[in-house]
Amino acid sequence: MNSLYLAHPYDWMAHYGIPGMQWGKRRFQNKDGSLTPAGKKRYAKAARGHMRSEEGDVKGFLKEGVSRGLSPMERVRLKASYNKLLGDLGDADNANAKLKSIANEKAQKKFEEEIAKNPDRYKGVFNAAARKILREQVSREAVKSSREENPDLVTRINAGSDSVKAWKDVCRDVTDRLVGEYGNQKVRMFSSKTVGDVLSDTLEKITIEEWYD
């Protein structure tokens, strides 16, 4: 028989795991994909390395963490929160534009009425300063009265601001799920920013579409 096919009794590979390893128990991720405490520690350490390196890609590393370090349900809730933010901000912009148009129309009407009632005070080249003061005054009054007369528009505008605050809370919650207490470590010795701060700030600027590039 050709000796090429004869296996030596000691020619094999074996893997005995690592100290503390238990059969059926994952070290870094739970069954649903979320990170274990050990996984959060490892992720925080790697994230800090990206932040301290000039060639580090914090954004790309965070995108990978979101796609691999969160459970499917957490990613669904994250996407729903982001879509709500976009919807509320779009509605707030429309409401703000409408309220601004109402206020500008009222201010212009009041401005023209005042000039018509007091032509000597406001007309002419030498009364430009008086006209400027008048326009600023009627504009302030128009904005105030328009907000009082259109509470529904104000509510929609405020909803946009509330959604921005809620989105920041969501980003902080996601960051906590990725790094936990290990996110409290400083990026650098004398830096005021923590690993969690940088991750949360970065997450706020990433769009849903970018996560699924």
C-alpha atoms as a PDB file:
ATOM      1  CA  MET A   1       0.000   0.000   0.000  1.00  0.00           C
ATOM      2  CA  ASN A   2       1.251   3.444  -0.807  1.00  0.00           C
ATOM      3  CA  SER A   3       2.643   5.037   2.323  1.00  0.00           C
ATOM      4  CA  LEU A   4       1.135   8.339   1.208  1.00  0.00           C
ATOM      5  CA  TYR A   5      -2.258   7.159   2.493  1.00  0.00           C
ATOM      6  CA  LEU A   6      -1.031   5.788   5.780  1.00  0.00           C
ATOM      7  CA  ALA A   7      -1.908   8.228   8.606  1.00  0.00           C
ATOM      8  CA  HIS A   8       0.410   8.536  11.537  1.00  0.00           C
ATOM      9  CA  PRO A   9      -1.470   7.778  14.784  1.00  0.00           C
ATOM     10  CA  TYR A  10      -0.620  11.263  16.101  1.00  0.00           C
ATOM     11  CA  ASP A  11      -1.405  13.257  12.973  1.00  0.00           C
ATOM     12  CA  TRP A  12      -4.631  15.026  13.955  1.00  0.00           C
ATOM     13  CA  MET A  13      -5.815  18.385  15.221  1.00  0.00           C
ATOM     14  CA  ALA A  14      -7.754  18.894  18.410  1.00  0.00           C
ATOM     15  CA  HIS A  15      -9.355  21.926  20.025  1.00  0.00           C
ATOM     16  CA  TYR A  16      -9.975  21.984  23.752  1.00  0.00           C
ATOM     17  CA  GLY A  17     -11.540  25.471  23.997  1.00  0.00           C
ATOM     18  CA  ILE A  18     -10.506  28.100  26.501  1.00  0.00           C
ATOM     19  CA  PRO A  19     -10.469  28.218  30.309  1.00  0.00           C
ATOM     20  CA  GLY A  20     -13.988  28.588  31.693  1.00  0.00           C
ATOM     21  CA  MET A  21     -15.660  27.554  28.455  1.00  0.00           C
ATOM     22  CA  GLN A  22     -18.906  25.593  28.870  1.00  0.00           C
ATOM     23  CA  TRP A  23     -20.628  23.491  26.250  1.00  0.00           C
ATOM     24  CA  GLY A  24     -23.666  25.224  24.726  1.00  0.00           C
ATOM     25  CA  LYS A  25     -22.927  28.617  26.338  1.00  0.00           C
ATOM     26  CA  ARG A  26     -21.848  31.497  24.136  1.00  0.00           C
ATOM     27  CA  ARG A  27     -19.122  33.770  25.342  1.00  0.00           C
ATOM     28  CA  PHE A  28     -19.775  37.028  23.506  1.00  0.00           C
ATOM     29  CA  GLN A  29     -23.331  36.817  22.153  1.00  0.00           C
ATOM     30  CA  ASN A  30     -26.637  35.496  23.382  1.00  0.00           C
ATOM     31  CA  LYS A  31     -28.833  33.309  21.195  1.00  0.00           C
ATOM     32  CA  ASP A  32     -30.889  36.317  20.067  1.00  0.00           C
ATOM     33  CA  GLY A  33     -27.756  38.133  18.869  1.00  0.00           C
ATOM     34  CA  SER A  34     -27.449  40.608  21.746  1.00  0.00           C
ATOM     35  CA  LEU A  35     -24.088  40.933  23.460  1.00  0.00           C
ATOM     36  CA  THR A  36     -23.144  39.278  26.723  1.00  0.00           C
ATOM     37  CA  PRO A  37     -21.183  41.262  29.349  1.00  0.00           C
ATOM     38  CA  ALA A  38     -17.974  39.796  27.900  1.00  0.00           C
ATOM     39  CA  GLY A  39     -19.120  40.802  24.417  1.00  0.00           C
ATOM     40  CA  LYS A  40     -19.824  44.364  25.557  1.00  0.00           C
ATOM     41  CA  LYS A  41     -16.384  44.588  27.144  1.00  0.00           C
ATOM     42  CA  ARG A  42     -14.705  43.347  23.973  1.00  0.00           C
ATOM     43  CA  TYR A  43     -16.761  45.692  21.765  1.00  0.00           C
ATOM     44  CA  ALA A  44     -16.001  48.709  23.970  1.00  0.00           C
ATOM     45  CA  LYS A  45     -12.285  47.933  23.878  1.00  0.00           C
ATOM     46  CA  ALA A  46     -12.288  47.629  20.092  1.00  0.00           C
ATOM     47  CA  ALA A  47     -14.387  50.796  19.701  1.00  0.00           C
ATOM     48  CA  ARG A  48     -11.950  52.740  21.884  1.00  0.00           C
ATOM     49  CA  GLY A  49      -9.118  51.530  19.676  1.00  0.00           C
ATOM     50  CA  HIS A  50     -10.876  52.932  16.600  1.00  0.00           C
ATOM     51  CA  MET A  51     -11.414  56.257  18.368  1.00  0.00           C
ATOM     52  CA  ARG A  52      -7.771  56.569  19.383  1.00  0.00           C
ATOM     53  CA  SER A  53      -6.418  55.629  15.969  1.00  0.00           C
ATOM     54  CA  GLU A  54      -6.076  58.160  13.158  1.00  0.00           C
ATOM     55  CA  GLU A  55      -7.138  55.452  10.701  1.00  0.00           C
ATOM     56  CA  GLY A  56      -9.967  54.175  12.890  1.00  0.00           C
ATOM     57  CA  ASP A  57     -13.428  53.931  11.346  1.00  0.00           C
ATOM     58  CA  VAL A  58     -15.801  54.542  14.238  1.00  0.00           C
ATOM     59  CA  LYS A  59     -18.810  54.924  11.954  1.00  0.00           C
ATOM     60  CA  GLY A  60     -18.163  51.679  10.106  1.00  0.00           C
ATOM     61  CA  PHE A  61     -17.412  49.835  13.329  1.00  0.00           C
ATOM     62  CA  LEU A  62     -20.651  51.114  14.865  1.00  0.00           C
ATOM     63  CA  LYS A  63     -22.669  50.055  11.815  1.00  0.00           C
ATOM     64  CA  GLU A  64     -21.272  46.557  12.197  1.00  0.00           C
ATOM     65  CA  GLY A  65     -22.104  46.612  15.897  1.00  0.00           C
ATOM     66  CA  VAL A  66     -25.700  47.642  15.213  1.00  0.00           C
ATOM     67  CA  SER A  67     -26.157  44.912  12.596  1.00  0.00           C
ATOM     68  CA  ARG A  68     -24.446  42.145  14.592  1.00  0.00           C
ATOM     69  CA  GLY A  69     -24.628  43.178  18.251  1.00  0.00           C
ATOM     70  CA  LEU A  70     -28.363  43.840  18.538  1.00  0.00           C
ATOM     71  CA  SER A  71     -31.145  41.295  18.479  1.00  0.00           C
ATOM     72  CA  PRO A  72     -33.508  41.345  15.457  1.00  0.00           C
ATOM     73  CA  MET A  73     -36.297  42.882  17.574  1.00  0.00           C
ATOM     74  CA  GLU A  74     -33.967  45.623  18.818  1.00  0.00           C
ATOM     75  CA  ARG A  75     -33.053  46.486  15.233  1.00  0.00           C
ATOM     76  CA  VAL A  76     -36.740  46.612  14.275  1.00  0.00           C
ATOM     77  CA  ARG A  77     -37.497  48.995  17.146  1.00  0.00           C
ATOM     78  CA  LEU A  78     -34.484  51.111  16.216  1.00  0.00           C
ATOM     79  CA  LYS A  79     -35.647  51.450  12.617  1.00  0.00           C
ATOM     80  CA  ALA A  80     -39.197  52.286  13.756  1.00  0.00           C
ATOM     81  CA  SER A  81     -37.867  55.021  16.058  1.00  0.00           C
ATOM     82  CA  TYR A  82     -35.824  56.504  13.234  1.00  0.00           C
ATOM     83  CA  ASN A  83     -38.749  56.477  10.823  1.00  0.00           C
ATOM     84  CA  LYS A  84     -40.909  58.203  13.445  1.00  0.00           C
ATOM     85  CA  LEU A  85     -38.221  60.859  13.828  1.00  0.00           C
ATOM     86  CA  LEU A  86     -38.220  61.521  10.080  1.00  0.00           C
ATOM     87  CA  GLY A  87     -42.009  61.720   9.985  1.00  0.00           C
ATOM     88  CA  ASP A  88     -42.261  64.086  12.941  1.00  0.00           C
ATOM     89  CA  LEU A  89     -39.476  66.334  11.639  1.00  0.00           C
ATOM     90  CA  GLY A  90     -41.083  66.526   8.211  1.00  0.00           C
ATOM     91  CA  ASP A  91     -44.442  67.435   9.727  1.00  0.00           C
ATOM     92  CA  ALA A  92     -42.782  69.988  12.032  1.00  0.00           C
ATOM     93  CA  ASP A  93     -41.044  71.645   9.072  1.00  0.00           C
ATOM     94  CA  ASN A  94     -44.354  71.939   7.212  1.00  0.00           C
ATOM     95  CA  ALA A  95     -46.101  73.372  10.282  1.00  0.00           C
ATOM     96  CA  ASN A  96     -43.269  75.823  10.889  1.00  0.00           C
ATOM     97  CA  ALA A  97     -43.337  77.007   7.280  1.00  0.00           C
ATOM     98  CA  LYS A  98     -47.102  77.547   7.458  1.00  0.00           C
ATOM     99  CA  LEU A  99     -46.882  79.419  10.761  1.00  0.00           C
ATOM    100  CA  LYS A 100     -44.069  81.574   9.405  1.00  0.00           C
ATOM    101  CA  SER A 101     -46.141  82.425   6.331  1.00  0.00           C
ATOM    102  CA  ILE A 102     -49.104  83.439   8.510  1.00  0.00           C
ATOM    103  CA  ALA A 103     -46.891  85.592  10.743  1.00  0.00           C
ATOM    104  CA  ASN A 104     -45.164  87.290   7.785  1.00  0.00           C
ATOM    105  CA  GLU A 105     -48.521  88.131   6.185  1.00  0.00           C
ATOM    106  CA  LYS A 106     -49.830  89.631   9.425  1.00  0.00           C
ATOM    107  CA  ALA A 107     -46.613  91.575  10.010  1.00  0.00           C
ATOM    108  CA  GLN A 108     -46.596  93.043   6.504  1.00  0.00           C
ATOM    109  CA  LYS A 109     -50.227  94.109   6.795  1.00  0.00           C
ATOM    110  CA  LYS A 110     -49.610  95.772  10.166  1.00  0.00           C
ATOM    111  CA  PHE A 111     -46.446  97.431   8.859  1.00  0.00           C
ATOM    112  CA  GLU A 112     -48.260  98.989   5.927  1.00  0.00           C
ATOM    113  CA  GLU A 113     -51.126 100.146   8.157  1.00  0.00           C
ATOM    114  CA  GLU A 114     -48.763 101.909  10.573  1.00  0.00           C
ATOM    115  CA  ILE A 115     -46.910 103.660   7.774  1.00  0.00           C
ATOM    116  CA  ALA A 116     -50.200 104.807   6.240  1.00  0.00           C
ATOM    117  CA  LYS A 117     -51.334 106.216   9.617  1.00  0.00           C
ATOM    118  CA  ASN A 118     -48.010 107.975  10.315  1.00  0.00           C
ATOM    119  CA  PRO A 119     -46.423 108.887   6.955  1.00  0.00           C
ATOM    120  CA  ASP A 120     -44.351 111.742   8.404  1.00  0.00           C
ATOM    121  CA  ARG A 121     -42.738 109.435  10.957  1.00  0.00           C
ATOM    122  CA  TYR A 122     -41.888 106.541   8.651  1.00  0.00           C
ATOM    123  CA  LYS A 123     -41.653 107.730   5.049  1.00  0.00           C
ATOM    124  CA  GLY A 124     -38.586 109.308   3.493  1.00  0.00           C
ATOM    125  CA  VAL A 125     -34.858 108.534   3.369  1.00  0.00           C
ATOM    126  CA  PHE A 126     -34.168 109.913   6.857  1.00  0.00           C
ATOM    127  CA  ASN A 127     -36.753 107.671   8.511  1.00  0.00           C
ATOM    128  CA  ALA A 128     -35.172 104.344   7.486  1.00  0.00           C
ATOM    129  CA  ALA A 129     -34.148 103.582  11.088  1.00  0.00           C
ATOM    130  CA  ALA A 130     -37.706 104.189  12.311  1.00  0.00           C
ATOM    131  CA  ARG A 131     -39.077 101.841   9.626  1.00  0.00           C
ATOM    132  CA  LYS A 132     -36.577  99.158  10.639  1.00  0.00           C
ATOM    133  CA  ILE A 133     -37.630  99.401  14.292  1.00  0.00           C
ATOM    134  CA  LEU A 134     -41.303  99.282  13.284  1.00  0.00           C
ATOM    135  CA  ARG A 135     -40.792  96.162  11.139  1.00  0.00           C
ATOM    136  CA  GLU A 136     -39.001  94.358  13.965  1.00  0.00           C
ATOM    137  CA  GLN A 137     -41.765  95.313  16.408  1.00  0.00           C
ATOM    138  CA  VAL A 138     -44.665  94.194  14.223  1.00  0.00           C
ATOM    139  CA  SER A 139     -42.791  90.977  13.355  1.00  0.00           C
ATOM    140  CA  ARG A 140     -42.438  90.050  17.030  1.00  0.00           C
ATOM    141  CA  GLU A 141     -46.093  90.789  17.678  1.00  0.00           C
ATOM    142  CA  ALA A 142     -47.173  88.820  14.597  1.00  0.00           C
ATOM    143  CA  VAL A 143     -45.182  85.754  15.624  1.00  0.00           C
ATOM    144  CA  LYS A 144     -46.642  85.839  19.122  1.00  0.00           C
ATOM    145  CA  SER A 145     -50.243  86.289  17.980  1.00  0.00           C
ATOM    146  CA  SER A 146     -49.867  83.664  15.229  1.00  0.00           C
ATOM    147  CA  ARG A 147     -48.673  81.077  17.743  1.00  0.00           C
ATOM    148  CA  GLU A 148     -51.580  81.895  20.060  1.00  0.00           C
ATOM    149  CA  GLU A 149     -54.132  81.639  17.226  1.00  0.00           C
ATOM    150  CA  ASN A 150     -52.707  78.396  15.782  1.00  0.00           C
ATOM    151  CA  PRO A 151     -52.031  76.008  18.689  1.00  0.00           C
ATOM    152  CA  ASP A 152     -52.279  72.993  16.382  1.00  0.00           C
ATOM    153  CA  LEU A 153     -49.281  74.195  14.364  1.00  0.00           C
ATOM    154  CA  VAL A 154     -47.328  74.874  17.538  1.00  0.00           C
ATOM    155  CA  THR A 155     -48.098  71.360  18.758  1.00  0.00           C
ATOM    156  CA  ARG A 156     -46.734  69.859  15.545  1.00  0.00           C
ATOM    157  CA  ILE A 157     -43.581  71.965  15.784  1.00  0.00           C
ATOM    158  CA  ASN A 158     -43.031  70.914  19.397  1.00  0.00           C
ATOM    159  CA  ALA A 159     -43.577  67.266  18.422  1.00  0.00           C
ATOM    160  CA  GLY A 160     -40.562  67.532  16.135  1.00  0.00           C
ATOM    161  CA  SER A 161     -38.393  68.821  18.976  1.00  0.00           C
ATOM    162  CA  ASP A 162     -39.662  66.070  21.277  1.00  0.00           C
ATOM    163  CA  SER A 163     -38.805  63.451  18.657  1.00  0.00           C
ATOM    164  CA  VAL A 164     -35.234  64.725  18.418  1.00  0.00           C
ATOM    165  CA  LYS A 165     -34.856  64.340  22.189  1.00  0.00           C
ATOM    166  CA  ALA A 166     -36.451  60.879  22.045  1.00  0.00           C
ATOM    167  CA  TRP A 167     -34.061  59.840  19.252  1.00  0.00           C
ATOM    168  CA  LYS A 168     -31.084  60.902  21.365  1.00  0.00           C
ATOM    169  CA  ASP A 169     -32.408  58.704  24.174  1.00  0.00           C
ATOM    170  CA  VAL A 170     -32.791  55.793  21.746  1.00  0.00           C
ATOM    171  CA  CYS A 171     -29.208  56.221  20.540  1.00  0.00           C
ATOM    172  CA  ARG A 172     -27.962  56.266  24.122  1.00  0.00           C
ATOM    173  CA  ASP A 173     -29.968  53.121  24.890  1.00  0.00           C
ATOM    174  CA  VAL A 174     -28.507  51.327  21.850  1.00  0.00           C
ATOM    175  CA  THR A 175     -25.024  52.377  22.922  1.00  0.00           C
ATOM    176  CA  ASP A 176     -25.644  50.966  26.391  1.00  0.00           C
ATOM    177  CA  ARG A 177     -26.734  47.681  24.835  1.00  0.00           C
ATOM    178  CA  LEU A 178     -23.480  47.502  22.881  1.00  0.00           C
ATOM    179  CA  VAL A 179     -20.964  48.554  25.540  1.00  0.00           C
ATOM    180  CA  GLY A 180     -22.868  48.696  28.848  1.00  0.00           C
ATOM    181  CA  GLU A 181     -20.844  50.001  31.777  1.00  0.00           C
ATOM    182  CA  TYR A 182     -17.656  49.731  29.706  1.00  0.00           C
ATOM    183  CA  GLY A 183     -18.804  52.750  27.727  1.00  0.00           C
ATOM    184  CA  ASN A 184     -17.959  54.965  30.700  1.00  0.00           C
ATOM    185  CA  GLN A 185     -14.220  54.752  30.071  1.00  0.00           C
ATOM    186  CA  LYS A 186     -12.555  57.843  28.630  1.00  0.00           C
ATOM    187  CA  VAL A 187     -11.444  57.784  25.010  1.00  0.00           C
ATOM    188  CA  ARG A 188      -8.126  59.289  26.112  1.00  0.00           C
ATOM    189  CA  MET A 189      -6.675  60.004  29.507  1.00  0.00           C
ATOM    190  CA  PHE A 190      -7.537  63.720  29.582  1.00  0.00           C
ATOM    191  CA  SER A 191     -10.535  63.613  27.250  1.00  0.00           C
ATOM    192  CA  SER A 192     -13.970  64.681  28.453  1.00  0.00           C
ATOM    193  CA  LYS A 193     -15.626  62.256  26.023  1.00  0.00           C
ATOM    194  CA  THR A 194     -16.329  58.662  26.951  1.00  0.00           C
ATOM    195  CA  VAL A 195     -16.566  55.720  24.573  1.00  0.00           C
ATOM    196  CA  GLY A 196     -20.338  55.720  25.058  1.00  0.00           C
ATOM    197  CA  ASP A 197     -20.562  59.454  24.263  1.00  0.00           C
ATOM    198  CA  VAL A 198     -18.725  59.071  20.963  1.00  0.00           C
ATOM    199  CA  LEU A 199     -20.748  56.020  19.926  1.00  0.00           C
ATOM    200  CA  SER A 200     -24.047  57.716  20.789  1.00  0.00           C
ATOM    201  CA  ASP A 201     -23.118  60.936  18.956  1.00  0.00           C
ATOM    202  CA  THR A 202     -22.021  58.935  15.915  1.00  0.00           C
ATOM    203  CA  LEU A 203     -25.200  56.856  15.925  1.00  0.00           C
ATOM    204  CA  GLU A 204     -27.365  59.983  15.891  1.00  0.00           C
ATOM    205  CA  LYS A 205     -25.836  60.957  12.538  1.00  0.00           C
ATOM    206  CA  ILE A 206     -26.122  57.557  10.817  1.00  0.00           C
ATOM    207  CA  THR A 207     -29.212  57.065   8.683  1.00  0.00           C
ATOM    208  CA  ILE A 208     -31.147  53.814   8.557  1.00  0.00           C
ATOM    209  CA  GLU A 209     -30.198  53.375   4.904  1.00  0.00           C
ATOM    210  CA  GLU A 210     -26.481  53.469   5.796  1.00  0.00           C
ATOM    211  CA  TRP A 211     -26.847  50.611   8.263  1.00  0.00           C
ATOM    212  CA  TYR A 212     -27.969  48.329   5.462  1.00  0.00           C
ATOM    213  CA  ASP A 213     -25.398  49.358   2.831  1.00  0.00           C
END
